[in-house]
Amino acid sequence: MENFQSEIIPESGESVQQGSHWLRNILDIVETLVIALVLFAGINAISARIRVDGHSMEPTLHTGEFVIVYKLAYRFGSAKIGDVIVFHPPNNPTEEFIKRVIGLPGDHVVIKDEKVMVNGLVLEEQYIKAAPGYDVDVIVDENGLFVLGDNRNNSSDSHAWGAVPLENVIGKAVVIYWPPENWGLINHNEAVVAASQN
């Protein structure tokens, strides 16, 4: 008795359909990658993420926290006193620092007797760790911002190396997003209140 083995030969239409199925999968993967790259580029164009390194912004920000920075903040508006910004310091442009804006272009900043005065007004600074133990008397460059760390006596900032050129500003720090228990908006508006000097 002879044994016969049958072989199933796929129809040519089924082979074409299988090939187009693979091509569709590849196109879907490529499309997904392109969309992901466009989204990534778009997000990076308007925001940055930085890690706080050091104690210069305590008690507002702590080392190890991650912050989202809005890079377009000053394309549509100007910095204000109290804004927490990220920038490249003029003495080390490869670094990224985070500090608080104290003086705007042309402002007269005086730090004396543990008080900070801008244009003759004393800043009531509820957010600082301790009053500054140094003296400064400076007119801020027309193209610069005078910035200080909230931990005034443990901060490399404008009192040591001068104003930050506006072109060095990366953006405005807006949200602490890590660790989760510290999540929240960074308060800028209530940070600095000016009172008249007696």
N, C-alpha and C. Protein backbone atom coordinates (compact mmCIF):
# COMPACT_ATOMS: atom_id res chain seq x y z
N MET A 1 0.85 -1.17 0.00
CA MET A 1 0.00 0.00 0.00
C MET A 1 0.89 1.23 0.00
N GLU A 2 0.59 2.12 -0.89
CA GLU A 2 1.42 3.30 -1.03
C GLU A 2 0.91 4.40 -0.11
N ASN A 3 1.86 5.08 0.50
CA ASN A 3 1.52 6.25 1.34
C ASN A 3 1.70 7.51 0.52
N PHE A 4 0.71 8.34 0.55
CA PHE A 4 0.82 9.61 -0.16
C PHE A 4 0.84 10.75 0.87
N GLN A 5 1.72 11.69 0.67
CA GLN A 5 1.77 12.88 1.52
C GLN A 5 1.28 14.05 0.70
N SER A 6 0.36 14.76 1.28
CA SER A 6 -0.17 15.92 0.56
C SER A 6 0.54 17.17 1.04
N GLU A 7 0.79 18.08 0.15
CA GLU A 7 1.44 19.34 0.49
C GLU A 7 0.47 20.45 0.16
N ILE A 8 0.28 21.36 1.14
CA ILE A 8 -0.64 22.47 0.91
C ILE A 8 0.13 23.59 0.26
N ILE A 9 -0.30 24.00 -0.87
CA ILE A 9 0.36 25.09 -1.59
C ILE A 9 -0.53 26.32 -1.44
N PRO A 10 0.01 27.37 -0.78
CA PRO A 10 -0.82 28.56 -0.59
C PRO A 10 -1.14 29.21 -1.92
N GLU A 11 -2.31 29.77 -1.95
CA GLU A 11 -2.68 30.49 -3.15
C GLU A 11 -1.89 31.78 -3.22
N SER A 12 -1.66 32.24 -4.43
CA SER A 12 -0.84 33.43 -4.60
C SER A 12 -1.47 34.64 -3.94
N GLY A 13 -2.79 34.73 -3.90
CA GLY A 13 -3.48 35.85 -3.26
C GLY A 13 -3.19 35.92 -1.78
N GLU A 14 -3.14 34.75 -1.12
CA GLU A 14 -2.86 34.70 0.32
C GLU A 14 -1.44 35.18 0.60
N SER A 15 -0.49 34.84 -0.26
CA SER A 15 0.90 35.27 -0.10
C SER A 15 1.02 36.79 -0.21
N VAL A 16 0.32 37.36 -1.16
CA VAL A 16 0.34 38.83 -1.34
C VAL A 16 -0.27 39.51 -0.13
N GLN A 17 -1.38 38.89 0.38
CA GLN A 17 -2.05 39.47 1.54
C GLN A 17 -1.13 39.44 2.77
N GLN A 18 -0.39 38.36 2.96
CA GLN A 18 0.53 38.24 4.09
C GLN A 18 1.66 39.27 3.96
N GLY A 19 2.16 39.48 2.74
CA GLY A 19 3.22 40.47 2.51
C GLY A 19 2.74 41.88 2.80
N SER A 20 1.50 42.20 2.40
CA SER A 20 0.97 43.54 2.65
C SER A 20 0.71 43.74 4.15
N HIS A 21 0.37 42.64 4.86
CA HIS A 21 0.17 42.72 6.31
C HIS A 21 1.48 43.12 7.00
N TRP A 22 2.59 42.51 6.59
CA TRP A 22 3.90 42.86 7.16
C TRP A 22 4.27 44.30 6.81
N LEU A 23 4.01 44.70 5.59
CA LEU A 23 4.32 46.07 5.17
C LEU A 23 3.50 47.07 5.98
N ARG A 24 2.22 46.75 6.22
CA ARG A 24 1.38 47.63 7.03
C ARG A 24 1.92 47.75 8.46
N ASN A 25 2.38 46.63 9.04
CA ASN A 25 2.95 46.65 10.38
C ASN A 25 4.20 47.53 10.44
N ILE A 26 5.05 47.40 9.44
CA ILE A 26 6.28 48.20 9.40
C ILE A 26 5.93 49.69 9.28
N LEU A 27 4.96 50.00 8.41
CA LEU A 27 4.55 51.40 8.25
C LEU A 27 3.94 51.95 9.54
N ASP A 28 3.18 51.12 10.26
CA ASP A 28 2.61 51.56 11.54
C ASP A 28 3.70 51.86 12.55
N ILE A 29 4.72 51.01 12.59
CA ILE A 29 5.84 51.22 13.52
C ILE A 29 6.58 52.51 13.16
N VAL A 30 6.86 52.71 11.87
CA VAL A 30 7.56 53.92 11.43
C VAL A 30 6.73 55.16 11.75
N GLU A 31 5.42 55.08 11.50
CA GLU A 31 4.53 56.21 11.80
C GLU A 31 4.52 56.54 13.29
N THR A 32 4.46 55.50 14.12
CA THR A 32 4.48 55.70 15.56
C THR A 32 5.79 56.35 16.01
N LEU A 33 6.92 55.88 15.45
CA LEU A 33 8.22 56.46 15.80
C LEU A 33 8.31 57.93 15.37
N VAL A 34 7.80 58.24 14.18
CA VAL A 34 7.84 59.63 13.70
C VAL A 34 6.99 60.52 14.61
N ILE A 35 5.79 60.07 14.97
CA ILE A 35 4.92 60.85 15.85
C ILE A 35 5.60 61.05 17.21
N ALA A 36 6.21 59.98 17.73
CA ALA A 36 6.90 60.08 19.03
C ALA A 36 8.05 61.09 18.96
N LEU A 37 8.81 61.06 17.86
CA LEU A 37 9.92 62.01 17.70
C LEU A 37 9.43 63.44 17.58
N VAL A 38 8.34 63.64 16.84
CA VAL A 38 7.78 64.99 16.69
C VAL A 38 7.28 65.51 18.04
N LEU A 39 6.58 64.65 18.79
CA LEU A 39 6.10 65.03 20.13
C LEU A 39 7.27 65.34 21.06
N PHE A 40 8.31 64.50 21.02
CA PHE A 40 9.48 64.70 21.87
C PHE A 40 10.15 66.03 21.52
N ALA A 41 10.32 66.31 20.23
CA ALA A 41 10.94 67.56 19.79
C ALA A 41 10.08 68.75 20.19
N GLY A 42 8.76 68.61 20.06
CA GLY A 42 7.86 69.69 20.43
C GLY A 42 7.89 69.99 21.92
N ILE A 43 7.87 68.93 22.72
CA ILE A 43 7.93 69.11 24.18
C ILE A 43 9.25 69.74 24.58
N ASN A 44 10.35 69.30 23.96
CA ASN A 44 11.66 69.86 24.28
C ASN A 44 11.81 71.31 23.81
N ALA A 45 11.04 71.68 22.78
CA ALA A 45 11.11 73.06 22.28
C ALA A 45 10.47 74.03 23.27
N ILE A 46 9.48 73.57 24.03
CA ILE A 46 8.79 74.48 24.95
C ILE A 46 9.12 74.24 26.42
N SER A 47 9.74 73.11 26.73
CA SER A 47 10.04 72.84 28.13
C SER A 47 11.37 72.11 28.28
N ALA A 48 11.89 72.18 29.50
CA ALA A 48 13.10 71.45 29.86
C ALA A 48 12.88 70.85 31.23
N ARG A 49 13.65 69.85 31.54
CA ARG A 49 13.58 69.24 32.85
C ARG A 49 14.97 69.32 33.47
N ILE A 50 15.02 69.83 34.70
CA ILE A 50 16.32 69.93 35.37
C ILE A 50 16.23 69.31 36.77
N ARG A 51 17.39 68.89 37.23
CA ARG A 51 17.49 68.34 38.59
C ARG A 51 18.14 69.39 39.47
N VAL A 52 17.51 69.69 40.59
CA VAL A 52 18.08 70.63 41.55
C VAL A 52 19.28 69.95 42.20
N ASP A 53 20.41 70.63 42.14
CA ASP A 53 21.64 70.06 42.69
C ASP A 53 22.26 71.06 43.64
N GLY A 54 22.17 70.79 44.93
CA GLY A 54 22.72 71.71 45.92
C GLY A 54 21.63 72.31 46.78
N HIS A 55 22.05 73.16 47.70
CA HIS A 55 21.15 73.69 48.73
C HIS A 55 20.87 75.18 48.57
N SER A 56 21.25 75.78 47.44
CA SER A 56 21.17 77.23 47.29
C SER A 56 19.74 77.78 47.22
N MET A 57 18.75 76.92 46.90
CA MET A 57 17.38 77.41 46.81
C MET A 57 16.50 76.94 47.97
N GLU A 58 17.10 76.38 49.00
CA GLU A 58 16.31 76.00 50.18
C GLU A 58 15.81 77.26 50.88
N PRO A 59 14.62 77.23 51.43
CA PRO A 59 13.72 76.09 51.60
C PRO A 59 12.73 75.88 50.45
N THR A 60 12.82 76.68 49.37
CA THR A 60 11.88 76.56 48.26
C THR A 60 12.07 75.28 47.47
N LEU A 61 13.32 74.98 47.12
CA LEU A 61 13.66 73.78 46.36
C LEU A 61 14.77 73.04 47.07
N HIS A 62 14.74 71.72 46.94
CA HIS A 62 15.72 70.89 47.64
C HIS A 62 16.50 70.04 46.65
N THR A 63 17.73 69.73 47.02
CA THR A 63 18.58 68.92 46.16
C THR A 63 17.91 67.58 45.85
N GLY A 64 18.00 67.16 44.60
CA GLY A 64 17.39 65.91 44.17
C GLY A 64 16.01 66.07 43.57
N GLU A 65 15.38 67.23 43.75
CA GLU A 65 14.07 67.45 43.13
C GLU A 65 14.23 67.71 41.63
N PHE A 66 13.24 67.30 40.87
CA PHE A 66 13.23 67.54 39.43
C PHE A 66 12.15 68.58 39.12
N VAL A 67 12.51 69.52 38.25
CA VAL A 67 11.66 70.67 37.97
C VAL A 67 11.43 70.79 36.47
N ILE A 68 10.20 71.14 36.08
CA ILE A 68 9.90 71.45 34.68
C ILE A 68 10.07 72.95 34.46
N VAL A 69 10.76 73.28 33.38
CA VAL A 69 11.06 74.67 33.05
C VAL A 69 10.32 75.04 31.76
N TYR A 70 9.57 76.14 31.81
CA TYR A 70 8.84 76.63 30.64
C TYR A 70 9.77 77.55 29.85
N LYS A 71 10.26 77.05 28.72
CA LYS A 71 11.29 77.75 27.96
C LYS A 71 10.76 78.96 27.19
N LEU A 72 9.46 79.01 26.94
CA LEU A 72 8.90 80.12 26.16
C LEU A 72 8.37 81.26 27.04
N ALA A 73 8.54 81.15 28.35
CA ALA A 73 7.96 82.12 29.29
C ALA A 73 8.34 83.55 28.95
N TYR A 74 9.57 83.78 28.55
CA TYR A 74 10.02 85.15 28.31
C TYR A 74 10.07 85.51 26.83
N ARG A 75 9.54 84.64 25.99
CA ARG A 75 9.35 85.01 24.59
C ARG A 75 8.06 85.81 24.46
N PHE A 76 7.13 85.58 25.40
CA PHE A 76 5.83 86.25 25.35
C PHE A 76 5.63 87.22 26.51
N GLY A 77 6.65 87.43 27.31
CA GLY A 77 6.54 88.34 28.44
C GLY A 77 7.90 88.56 29.06
N SER A 78 7.93 89.41 30.06
CA SER A 78 9.19 89.75 30.72
C SER A 78 9.27 89.09 32.09
N ALA A 79 10.48 88.92 32.56
CA ALA A 79 10.68 88.38 33.91
C ALA A 79 10.16 89.38 34.94
N LYS A 80 9.73 88.85 36.07
CA LYS A 80 9.26 89.69 37.17
C LYS A 80 10.07 89.36 38.42
N ILE A 81 10.15 90.33 39.31
CA ILE A 81 10.81 90.06 40.59
C ILE A 81 10.03 88.95 41.28
N GLY A 82 10.76 87.95 41.73
CA GLY A 82 10.15 86.78 42.38
C GLY A 82 10.15 85.55 41.50
N ASP A 83 10.30 85.71 40.18
CA ASP A 83 10.35 84.55 39.29
C ASP A 83 11.54 83.66 39.64
N VAL A 84 11.31 82.35 39.63
CA VAL A 84 12.40 81.39 39.79
C VAL A 84 12.77 80.94 38.38
N ILE A 85 14.02 81.19 38.00
CA ILE A 85 14.44 80.93 36.62
C ILE A 85 15.62 79.96 36.57
N VAL A 86 15.78 79.36 35.39
CA VAL A 86 16.92 78.50 35.11
C VAL A 86 17.73 79.19 34.02
N PHE A 87 19.06 79.19 34.17
CA PHE A 87 19.91 79.94 33.27
C PHE A 87 21.32 79.36 33.26
N HIS A 88 22.11 79.81 32.29
CA HIS A 88 23.54 79.50 32.26
C HIS A 88 24.27 80.66 32.93
N PRO A 89 24.98 80.41 34.03
CA PRO A 89 25.67 81.52 34.70
C PRO A 89 26.78 82.08 33.82
N PRO A 90 27.01 83.40 33.89
CA PRO A 90 28.01 84.02 33.01
C PRO A 90 29.42 83.51 33.26
N ASN A 91 29.71 83.06 34.47
CA ASN A 91 31.07 82.59 34.78
C ASN A 91 31.27 81.11 34.46
N ASN A 92 30.19 80.40 34.07
CA ASN A 92 30.30 78.99 33.72
C ASN A 92 29.13 78.61 32.81
N PRO A 93 29.16 79.03 31.53
CA PRO A 93 28.00 78.88 30.64
C PRO A 93 27.62 77.45 30.29
N THR A 94 28.41 76.46 30.70
CA THR A 94 28.02 75.07 30.44
C THR A 94 27.10 74.53 31.54
N GLU A 95 27.04 75.22 32.67
CA GLU A 95 26.21 74.79 33.80
C GLU A 95 24.80 75.34 33.68
N GLU A 96 23.87 74.75 34.45
CA GLU A 96 22.51 75.27 34.56
C GLU A 96 22.25 75.56 36.03
N PHE A 97 21.93 76.81 36.34
CA PHE A 97 21.64 77.23 37.71
C PHE A 97 20.16 77.56 37.81
N ILE A 98 19.64 77.48 39.03
CA ILE A 98 18.26 77.88 39.30
C ILE A 98 18.29 78.85 40.48
N LYS A 99 17.75 80.06 40.26
CA LYS A 99 17.76 81.12 41.28
C LYS A 99 16.49 81.95 41.14
N ARG A 100 16.34 82.92 42.05
CA ARG A 100 15.17 83.81 42.04
C ARG A 100 15.56 85.19 41.52
N VAL A 101 14.72 85.75 40.66
CA VAL A 101 14.96 87.10 40.13
C VAL A 101 14.69 88.12 41.23
N ILE A 102 15.68 88.98 41.47
CA ILE A 102 15.57 90.03 42.48
C ILE A 102 15.58 91.42 41.84
N GLY A 103 16.37 91.58 40.77
CA GLY A 103 16.45 92.86 40.09
C GLY A 103 16.30 92.71 38.60
N LEU A 104 15.54 93.64 38.00
CA LEU A 104 15.30 93.66 36.56
C LEU A 104 16.27 94.63 35.89
N PRO A 105 16.36 94.63 34.56
CA PRO A 105 17.28 95.54 33.89
C PRO A 105 17.10 96.99 34.33
N GLY A 106 18.21 97.61 34.72
CA GLY A 106 18.19 99.01 35.15
C GLY A 106 17.86 99.23 36.61
N ASP A 107 17.43 98.20 37.33
CA ASP A 107 17.09 98.35 38.76
C ASP A 107 18.33 98.63 39.60
N HIS A 108 18.12 99.37 40.69
CA HIS A 108 19.17 99.62 41.67
C HIS A 108 18.97 98.66 42.84
N VAL A 109 19.87 97.71 42.99
CA VAL A 109 19.77 96.70 44.05
C VAL A 109 20.79 97.02 45.13
N VAL A 110 20.31 97.13 46.36
CA VAL A 110 21.18 97.37 47.52
C VAL A 110 20.89 96.28 48.54
N ILE A 111 21.94 95.61 49.00
CA ILE A 111 21.82 94.63 50.09
C ILE A 111 22.68 95.14 51.23
N LYS A 112 22.03 95.45 52.33
CA LYS A 112 22.73 96.04 53.48
C LYS A 112 21.93 95.77 54.74
N ASP A 113 22.62 95.57 55.84
CA ASP A 113 21.97 95.32 57.14
C ASP A 113 20.95 94.18 57.04
N GLU A 114 21.32 93.12 56.30
CA GLU A 114 20.50 91.92 56.14
C GLU A 114 19.16 92.18 55.45
N LYS A 115 19.09 93.26 54.67
CA LYS A 115 17.88 93.58 53.91
C LYS A 115 18.24 93.73 52.44
N VAL A 116 17.28 93.38 51.58
CA VAL A 116 17.44 93.56 50.14
C VAL A 116 16.49 94.67 49.71
N MET A 117 17.05 95.70 49.05
CA MET A 117 16.25 96.81 48.57
C MET A 117 16.39 96.91 47.06
N VAL A 118 15.25 97.13 46.40
CA VAL A 118 15.25 97.33 44.96
C VAL A 118 14.57 98.67 44.69
N ASN A 119 15.35 99.58 44.11
CA ASN A 119 14.84 100.93 43.82
C ASN A 119 14.25 101.59 45.06
N GLY A 120 14.93 101.40 46.20
CA GLY A 120 14.51 102.03 47.44
C GLY A 120 13.43 101.30 48.20
N LEU A 121 12.95 100.17 47.70
CA LEU A 121 11.92 99.41 48.39
C LEU A 121 12.51 98.15 48.99
N VAL A 122 12.19 97.91 50.25
CA VAL A 122 12.67 96.70 50.93
C VAL A 122 11.81 95.52 50.50
N LEU A 123 12.47 94.43 50.16
CA LEU A 123 11.73 93.22 49.79
C LEU A 123 11.41 92.41 51.04
N GLU A 124 10.14 92.11 51.22
CA GLU A 124 9.73 91.25 52.33
C GLU A 124 9.81 89.82 51.82
N GLU A 125 10.83 89.12 52.23
CA GLU A 125 11.14 87.81 51.65
C GLU A 125 10.83 86.69 52.65
N GLN A 126 9.61 86.19 52.55
CA GLN A 126 9.17 85.13 53.46
C GLN A 126 9.80 83.79 53.13
N TYR A 127 10.34 83.66 51.94
CA TYR A 127 10.79 82.37 51.43
C TYR A 127 12.26 82.07 51.70
N ILE A 128 13.04 83.02 52.21
CA ILE A 128 14.49 82.79 52.34
C ILE A 128 14.80 81.97 53.58
N LYS A 129 15.96 81.31 53.53
CA LYS A 129 16.40 80.49 54.67
C LYS A 129 16.96 81.37 55.78
N ALA A 130 17.72 82.38 55.38
CA ALA A 130 18.30 83.33 56.35
C ALA A 130 18.59 84.63 55.62
N ALA A 131 18.61 85.73 56.37
CA ALA A 131 18.90 87.04 55.77
C ALA A 131 20.34 87.07 55.25
N PRO A 132 20.58 87.81 54.16
CA PRO A 132 21.93 87.86 53.60
C PRO A 132 22.92 88.53 54.54
N GLY A 133 24.09 87.93 54.66
CA GLY A 133 25.13 88.48 55.54
C GLY A 133 26.22 89.19 54.75
N TYR A 134 25.87 89.80 53.64
CA TYR A 134 26.85 90.49 52.80
C TYR A 134 26.22 91.79 52.29
N ASP A 135 27.05 92.68 51.75
CA ASP A 135 26.58 93.96 51.22
C ASP A 135 26.77 94.02 49.71
N VAL A 136 25.79 94.62 49.03
CA VAL A 136 25.85 94.82 47.58
C VAL A 136 25.23 96.17 47.27
N ASP A 137 25.77 96.87 46.30
CA ASP A 137 25.16 98.10 45.79
C ASP A 137 25.45 98.13 44.29
N VAL A 138 24.44 97.86 43.47
CA VAL A 138 24.68 97.70 42.04
C VAL A 138 23.47 98.15 41.22
N ILE A 139 23.75 98.68 40.05
CA ILE A 139 22.70 98.93 39.04
C ILE A 139 22.74 97.75 38.09
N VAL A 140 21.61 97.10 37.91
CA VAL A 140 21.55 95.91 37.06
C VAL A 140 21.74 96.32 35.60
N ASP A 141 22.56 95.54 34.87
CA ASP A 141 22.79 95.78 33.45
C ASP A 141 21.46 95.86 32.70
N GLU A 142 21.43 96.68 31.65
CA GLU A 142 20.22 96.83 30.84
C GLU A 142 19.84 95.53 30.12
N ASN A 143 20.80 94.64 30.01
CA ASN A 143 20.55 93.35 29.35
C ASN A 143 20.72 92.20 30.33
N GLY A 144 20.38 92.44 31.61
CA GLY A 144 20.63 91.40 32.60
C GLY A 144 19.56 91.32 33.68
N LEU A 145 19.66 90.27 34.47
CA LEU A 145 18.80 90.05 35.63
C LEU A 145 19.69 89.79 36.84
N PHE A 146 19.33 90.39 37.97
CA PHE A 146 20.04 90.15 39.23
C PHE A 146 19.32 89.03 39.95
N VAL A 147 20.01 87.93 40.20
CA VAL A 147 19.38 86.74 40.80
C VAL A 147 20.09 86.34 42.08
N LEU A 148 19.32 85.82 43.02
CA LEU A 148 19.86 85.32 44.27
C LEU A 148 19.22 83.97 44.59
N GLY A 149 19.97 83.13 45.30
CA GLY A 149 19.40 81.89 45.83
C GLY A 149 18.61 82.20 47.08
N ASP A 150 17.58 81.41 47.36
CA ASP A 150 16.78 81.63 48.57
C ASP A 150 17.57 81.31 49.83
N ASN A 151 18.58 80.47 49.70
CA ASN A 151 19.50 80.19 50.81
C ASN A 151 20.65 81.19 50.66
N ARG A 152 20.38 82.44 51.01
CA ARG A 152 21.23 83.57 50.66
C ARG A 152 22.71 83.40 50.99
N ASN A 153 23.02 82.80 52.09
CA ASN A 153 24.43 82.73 52.51
C ASN A 153 25.13 81.45 52.06
N ASN A 154 24.43 80.68 51.24
CA ASN A 154 25.03 79.45 50.70
C ASN A 154 24.64 79.33 49.23
N SER A 155 24.93 80.39 48.46
CA SER A 155 24.50 80.43 47.06
C SER A 155 25.51 81.19 46.21
N SER A 156 25.90 80.58 45.10
CA SER A 156 26.70 81.26 44.08
C SER A 156 25.72 81.95 43.15
N ASP A 157 25.67 83.27 43.21
CA ASP A 157 24.65 84.02 42.46
C ASP A 157 25.15 85.41 42.09
N SER A 158 24.24 86.31 41.77
CA SER A 158 24.62 87.64 41.28
C SER A 158 25.40 88.46 42.29
N HIS A 159 25.24 88.19 43.58
CA HIS A 159 26.02 88.96 44.55
C HIS A 159 27.51 88.65 44.42
N ALA A 160 27.83 87.49 43.83
CA ALA A 160 29.23 87.08 43.67
C ALA A 160 29.76 87.36 42.27
N TRP A 161 28.94 87.14 41.23
CA TRP A 161 29.46 87.25 39.88
C TRP A 161 28.66 88.15 38.95
N GLY A 162 27.71 88.91 39.46
CA GLY A 162 27.01 89.90 38.65
C GLY A 162 25.72 89.39 38.01
N ALA A 163 25.18 90.23 37.15
CA ALA A 163 23.89 89.94 36.52
C ALA A 163 23.99 88.81 35.51
N VAL A 164 22.86 88.14 35.31
CA VAL A 164 22.75 87.09 34.28
C VAL A 164 22.31 87.75 32.98
N PRO A 165 23.07 87.62 31.90
CA PRO A 165 22.60 88.16 30.62
C PRO A 165 21.28 87.51 30.22
N LEU A 166 20.37 88.32 29.67
CA LEU A 166 19.05 87.80 29.29
C LEU A 166 19.15 86.63 28.33
N GLU A 167 20.16 86.66 27.45
CA GLU A 167 20.29 85.56 26.48
C GLU A 167 20.71 84.25 27.13
N ASN A 168 21.15 84.30 28.39
CA ASN A 168 21.55 83.08 29.11
C ASN A 168 20.37 82.40 29.80
N VAL A 169 19.21 83.07 29.82
CA VAL A 169 18.05 82.51 30.52
C VAL A 169 17.43 81.39 29.69
N ILE A 170 17.26 80.23 30.32
CA ILE A 170 16.63 79.08 29.66
C ILE A 170 15.12 79.17 29.78
N GLY A 171 14.63 79.55 30.94
CA GLY A 171 13.18 79.66 31.12
C GLY A 171 12.80 79.79 32.59
N LYS A 172 11.50 79.71 32.82
CA LYS A 172 10.93 79.88 34.15
C LYS A 172 10.58 78.52 34.74
N ALA A 173 11.06 78.27 35.95
CA ALA A 173 10.75 77.00 36.64
C ALA A 173 9.29 77.06 37.09
N VAL A 174 8.51 76.04 36.72
CA VAL A 174 7.07 76.11 37.01
C VAL A 174 6.55 75.00 37.92
N VAL A 175 7.10 73.79 37.79
CA VAL A 175 6.53 72.65 38.53
C VAL A 175 7.64 71.75 39.07
N ILE A 176 7.50 71.34 40.32
CA ILE A 176 8.32 70.25 40.86
C ILE A 176 7.56 68.97 40.53
N TYR A 177 8.18 68.05 39.78
CA TYR A 177 7.45 66.84 39.41
C TYR A 177 8.04 65.57 40.03
N TRP A 178 9.17 65.68 40.69
CA TRP A 178 9.75 64.50 41.35
C TRP A 178 10.59 64.95 42.53
N PRO A 179 10.51 64.24 43.64
CA PRO A 179 9.70 63.04 43.93
C PRO A 179 8.22 63.37 44.05
N PRO A 180 7.36 62.36 43.86
CA PRO A 180 5.91 62.59 43.83
C PRO A 180 5.37 63.31 45.06
N GLU A 181 5.93 63.04 46.23
CA GLU A 181 5.41 63.68 47.45
C GLU A 181 5.70 65.18 47.49
N ASN A 182 6.63 65.65 46.65
CA ASN A 182 6.95 67.09 46.62
C ASN A 182 6.30 67.79 45.43
N TRP A 183 5.46 67.04 44.67
CA TRP A 183 4.86 67.61 43.46
C TRP A 183 4.10 68.88 43.79
N GLY A 184 4.25 69.88 42.90
CA GLY A 184 3.47 71.10 43.07
C GLY A 184 4.02 72.23 42.22
N LEU A 185 3.19 73.27 42.07
CA LEU A 185 3.61 74.46 41.35
C LEU A 185 4.60 75.26 42.19
N ILE A 186 5.54 75.89 41.53
CA ILE A 186 6.49 76.78 42.21
C ILE A 186 5.86 78.16 42.26
N ASN A 187 5.71 78.69 43.46
CA ASN A 187 5.03 79.97 43.63
C ASN A 187 5.99 81.12 43.31
N HIS A 188 5.57 81.97 42.38
CA HIS A 188 6.37 83.13 42.01
C HIS A 188 5.71 84.42 42.47
N ASN A 189 4.41 84.54 42.29
CA ASN A 189 3.72 85.81 42.47
C ASN A 189 3.71 86.31 43.91
N GLU A 190 3.57 85.40 44.85
CA GLU A 190 3.52 85.83 46.25
C GLU A 190 4.90 85.88 46.89
N ALA A 191 5.92 85.59 46.11
CA ALA A 191 7.24 85.43 46.69
C ALA A 191 7.85 86.73 47.16
N VAL A 192 7.68 87.81 46.43
CA VAL A 192 8.35 89.06 46.77
C VAL A 192 7.31 90.18 46.87
N VAL A 193 7.24 90.82 48.02
CA VAL A 193 6.34 91.95 48.22
C VAL A 193 7.18 93.14 48.65
N ALA A 194 7.04 94.25 47.93
CA ALA A 194 7.86 95.42 48.24
C ALA A 194 7.15 96.29 49.27
N ALA A 195 7.93 96.81 50.21
CA ALA A 195 7.41 97.75 51.21
C ALA A 195 8.30 98.99 51.20
N SER A 196 7.73 100.13 51.48
CA SER A 196 8.54 101.36 51.43
C SER A 196 9.56 101.39 52.55
N GLN A 197 10.72 101.93 52.23
CA GLN A 197 11.81 102.01 53.19
C GLN A 197 11.61 103.24 54.06
N ASN A 198 11.68 103.08 55.38
CA ASN A 198 11.52 104.21 56.31
C ASN A 198 12.84 104.95 56.48
